[in-house]
Amino acid sequence: VIYTDGVTEAMSPTNEEFGEDRMMAITVQCAAKSSSEYLTQLVNAIQGHAQKDEQHDDITIVTLKVG
């Protein structure tokens, strides 16, 4: 997984960053899933974290699964 800092720095309405720990937990949890399923779960988690707060930075995520 390659991603821009906009992923981990996505802010909640209470100014809490999404963070590397959440990112890593979702990545580990989705290790057996397809890239599409992983991206869906990750983006949903980021949006849930940010809620209605506007996006302050770009969010780019590239995945590659070697099997």
C-alpha atoms as a PDB file:
ATOM      1  CA  VAL A   1       0.000   0.000   0.000  1.00  0.00           C
ATOM      2  CA  ILE A   2       1.295   3.406  -0.984  1.00  0.00           C
ATOM      3  CA  TYR A   3      -0.645   6.454   0.187  1.00  0.00           C
ATOM      4  CA  THR A   4      -0.377  10.199   0.600  1.00  0.00           C
ATOM      5  CA  ASP A   5      -0.395  11.889   3.972  1.00  0.00           C
ATOM      6  CA  GLY A   6      -3.975  12.985   3.355  1.00  0.00           C
ATOM      7  CA  VAL A   7      -5.043   9.486   4.412  1.00  0.00           C
ATOM      8  CA  THR A   8      -3.432   9.453   7.852  1.00  0.00           C
ATOM      9  CA  GLU A   9      -3.947  13.185   8.409  1.00  0.00           C
ATOM     10  CA  ALA A  10      -7.700  13.139   7.664  1.00  0.00           C
ATOM     11  CA  MET A  11      -9.248  15.076  10.542  1.00  0.00           C
ATOM     12  CA  SER A  12     -12.318  14.377  12.617  1.00  0.00           C
ATOM     13  CA  PRO A  13     -14.623  17.210  13.672  1.00  0.00           C
ATOM     14  CA  THR A  14     -12.732  17.173  17.009  1.00  0.00           C
ATOM     15  CA  ASN A  15      -9.371  17.678  15.214  1.00  0.00           C
ATOM     16  CA  GLU A  16      -8.148  14.108  15.706  1.00  0.00           C
ATOM     17  CA  GLU A  17      -6.113  12.639  12.831  1.00  0.00           C
ATOM     18  CA  PHE A  18      -7.126   9.320  11.293  1.00  0.00           C
ATOM     19  CA  GLY A  19      -3.586   8.171  12.054  1.00  0.00           C
ATOM     20  CA  GLU A  20      -1.189   5.427  11.096  1.00  0.00           C
ATOM     21  CA  ASP A  21      -2.507   3.027  13.752  1.00  0.00           C
ATOM     22  CA  ARG A  22      -6.021   3.010  12.240  1.00  0.00           C
ATOM     23  CA  MET A  23      -4.548   2.721   8.754  1.00  0.00           C
ATOM     24  CA  MET A  24      -2.393  -0.253   9.786  1.00  0.00           C
ATOM     25  CA  ALA A  25      -5.243  -1.982  11.643  1.00  0.00           C
ATOM     26  CA  ILE A  26      -7.495  -1.815   8.572  1.00  0.00           C
ATOM     27  CA  THR A  27      -4.638  -2.945   6.320  1.00  0.00           C
ATOM     28  CA  VAL A  28      -3.957  -5.999   8.493  1.00  0.00           C
ATOM     29  CA  GLN A  29      -7.675  -6.749   8.842  1.00  0.00           C
ATOM     30  CA  CYS A  30      -8.085  -6.691   5.045  1.00  0.00           C
ATOM     31  CA  ALA A  31      -4.934  -8.642   4.155  1.00  0.00           C
ATOM     32  CA  ALA A  32      -6.902 -11.503   2.585  1.00  0.00           C
ATOM     33  CA  LYS A  33      -9.358  -9.247   0.736  1.00  0.00           C
ATOM     34  CA  SER A  34      -9.124  -7.910  -2.797  1.00  0.00           C
ATOM     35  CA  SER A  35      -7.723  -4.435  -3.389  1.00  0.00           C
ATOM     36  CA  SER A  36     -11.204  -3.224  -4.225  1.00  0.00           C
ATOM     37  CA  GLU A  37     -12.655  -4.537  -0.954  1.00  0.00           C
ATOM     38  CA  TYR A  38      -9.725  -3.091   0.998  1.00  0.00           C
ATOM     39  CA  LEU A  39     -10.070   0.330  -0.624  1.00  0.00           C
ATOM     40  CA  THR A  40     -13.805   0.378   0.027  1.00  0.00           C
ATOM     41  CA  GLN A  41     -13.314  -0.451   3.699  1.00  0.00           C
ATOM     42  CA  LEU A  42     -10.467   2.060   4.086  1.00  0.00           C
ATOM     43  CA  VAL A  43     -12.279   4.921   2.355  1.00  0.00           C
ATOM     44  CA  ASN A  44     -15.444   4.213   4.376  1.00  0.00           C
ATOM     45  CA  ALA A  45     -13.384   4.326   7.576  1.00  0.00           C
ATOM     46  CA  ILE A  46     -11.763   7.633   6.570  1.00  0.00           C
ATOM     47  CA  GLN A  47     -15.149   9.140   5.703  1.00  0.00           C
ATOM     48  CA  GLY A  48     -16.651   7.857   8.956  1.00  0.00           C
ATOM     49  CA  HIS A  49     -13.766   9.383  10.886  1.00  0.00           C
ATOM     50  CA  ALA A  50     -14.019  12.756   9.145  1.00  0.00           C
ATOM     51  CA  GLN A  51     -17.834  12.725   9.259  1.00  0.00           C
ATOM     52  CA  LYS A  52     -19.029  15.976   7.706  1.00  0.00           C
ATOM     53  CA  ASP A  53     -15.717  17.797   8.094  1.00  0.00           C
ATOM     54  CA  GLU A  54     -14.358  18.965   4.751  1.00  0.00           C
ATOM     55  CA  GLN A  55     -11.330  17.279   3.217  1.00  0.00           C
ATOM     56  CA  HIS A  56      -8.186  19.348   3.824  1.00  0.00           C
ATOM     57  CA  ASP A  57      -5.679  17.390   1.729  1.00  0.00           C
ATOM     58  CA  ASP A  58      -5.571  15.045  -1.224  1.00  0.00           C
ATOM     59  CA  ILE A  59      -6.175  11.369  -0.581  1.00  0.00           C
ATOM     60  CA  THR A  60      -4.354   8.983  -2.889  1.00  0.00           C
ATOM     61  CA  ILE A  61      -4.062   5.250  -2.274  1.00  0.00           C
ATOM     62  CA  VAL A  62      -2.309   2.687  -4.485  1.00  0.00           C
ATOM     63  CA  THR A  63      -2.516  -1.011  -3.705  1.00  0.00           C
ATOM     64  CA  LEU A  64      -0.663  -3.987  -5.089  1.00  0.00           C
ATOM     65  CA  LYS A  65      -1.323  -7.528  -3.997  1.00  0.00           C
ATOM     66  CA  VAL A  66       1.268 -10.175  -4.664  1.00  0.00           C
ATOM     67  CA  GLY A  67      -0.085 -13.642  -4.344  1.00  0.00           C
END
